[in-house]
Protein backbone atom coordinates (compact mmCIF):
# COMPACT_ATOMS: atom_id res chain seq x y z
CA MET A 1 0.08 -0.02 -0.03
CA ASN A 2 1.17 3.19 -1.05
CA VAL A 3 1.19 6.43 1.35
CA LYS A 4 0.75 9.90 -0.05
CA PRO A 5 0.93 12.47 2.79
CA LEU A 6 -1.36 15.81 1.71
CA GLY A 7 0.16 19.35 2.23
CA ASP A 8 3.53 20.09 4.10
CA ARG A 9 2.98 16.59 5.99
CA VAL A 10 6.15 14.03 5.88
CA VAL A 11 5.95 9.86 6.16
CA ILE A 12 8.86 8.66 8.16
CA LYS A 13 10.47 5.36 9.56
CA ASN A 14 12.74 5.08 12.50
CA VAL A 15 15.98 4.03 11.88
CA GLU A 16 17.20 0.79 13.87
CA MET A 17 19.55 2.12 16.60
CA GLU A 18 22.45 -0.06 18.32
CA GLU A 19 21.45 -2.20 21.03
CA THR A 20 24.21 -1.88 23.13
CA THR A 21 26.33 0.73 24.42
CA LYS A 22 29.67 2.13 23.47
CA SER A 23 30.95 0.01 26.75
CA GLY A 24 29.27 -2.76 25.34
CA ILE A 25 26.41 -3.33 27.88
CA LEU A 26 23.34 -4.89 26.11
CA LEU A 27 20.31 -2.83 26.18
CA THR A 28 16.64 -4.54 26.80
CA GLY A 29 13.64 -2.94 25.05
CA THR A 30 12.37 -1.23 28.15
CA ALA A 31 15.74 0.24 28.64
CA LYS A 32 16.15 1.83 24.94
CA GLU A 33 15.02 5.24 24.42
CA LYS A 34 12.83 6.02 21.36
CA PRO A 35 14.76 7.29 18.44
CA GLN A 36 14.56 10.81 16.95
CA MET A 37 16.38 9.61 13.72
CA ALA A 38 14.38 8.59 10.73
CA GLU A 39 14.42 7.83 6.93
CA VAL A 40 12.01 9.78 4.68
CA LEU A 41 9.41 7.38 2.93
CA ALA A 42 7.21 10.06 1.19
CA VAL A 43 6.96 13.95 1.20
CA GLY A 44 3.60 15.87 0.64
CA PRO A 45 3.48 18.60 -2.24
CA GLY A 46 3.27 21.63 0.01
CA GLY A 47 1.95 24.45 -1.44
CA LEU A 48 -0.45 26.67 0.46
CA VAL A 49 -0.85 25.30 4.04
CA ASP A 50 -2.90 27.43 6.54
CA GLY A 51 -2.88 30.51 4.17
CA LYS A 52 1.22 30.40 3.90
CA GLU A 53 3.09 29.20 1.25
CA VAL A 54 5.19 26.04 2.07
CA THR A 55 8.17 24.78 0.19
CA MET A 56 9.19 21.03 0.78
CA ASN A 57 12.78 21.16 1.92
CA VAL A 58 13.45 17.15 2.67
CA LYS A 59 12.73 14.42 -0.27
CA THR A 60 12.20 11.04 -0.30
CA GLY A 61 15.57 8.94 1.05
CA ASP A 62 16.82 11.62 3.39
CA LYS A 63 17.85 10.70 6.80
CA VAL A 64 16.32 13.24 9.73
CA ILE A 65 15.95 13.80 13.23
CA TYR A 66 12.48 15.03 14.31
CA SER A 67 11.05 16.37 17.34
CA LYS A 68 10.80 13.64 20.18
CA TYR A 69 6.90 13.83 20.81
CA ALA A 70 6.04 14.59 16.82
CA GLY A 71 3.48 12.98 14.34
CA THR A 72 0.91 10.46 14.35
CA GLU A 73 2.33 6.74 14.13
CA VAL A 74 0.64 4.50 12.14
CA LYS A 75 0.79 1.01 11.27
CA ILE A 76 0.49 -0.14 7.54
CA ASP A 77 1.22 -3.36 6.05
CA GLY A 78 3.32 -4.43 9.19
CA GLN A 79 5.14 -1.46 9.27
CA GLU A 80 5.24 1.34 11.91
CA LEU A 81 5.08 4.58 10.13
CA ILE A 82 4.89 8.27 11.77
CA ILE A 83 3.33 11.26 9.60
CA VAL A 84 4.92 14.48 11.04
CA ARG A 85 4.84 18.19 9.65
CA GLN A 86 7.68 19.15 8.06
CA SER A 87 8.11 21.89 10.89
CA ASP A 88 8.29 18.93 12.88
CA ILE A 89 11.46 17.86 11.21
CA LEU A 90 14.49 19.66 13.06
CA ALA A 91 17.75 18.43 10.74
CA THR A 92 18.66 16.58 7.93
CA VAL A 93 21.67 13.97 8.47
CA GLU A 94 24.40 13.45 5.78
């Protein structure tokens, strides 16, 4: 199933983080913090949003850092995705 975001929305998927610390301690599922780094899967068209012109600055495939409590989590075809506004994306990672 394809997800096409509307307006200034972006569909992202969390990037798996390491399960051990730098010192070699294995982290359990409850000890791990929710990652804030994700990959962009789909980008909305931008345009006129809430009376303001919005130009999309991210593209599919970008790695991004987003606000900790941003977006709406959805499960589609067994994948956990997050739909966020472009303004909730803080930076791109190269």
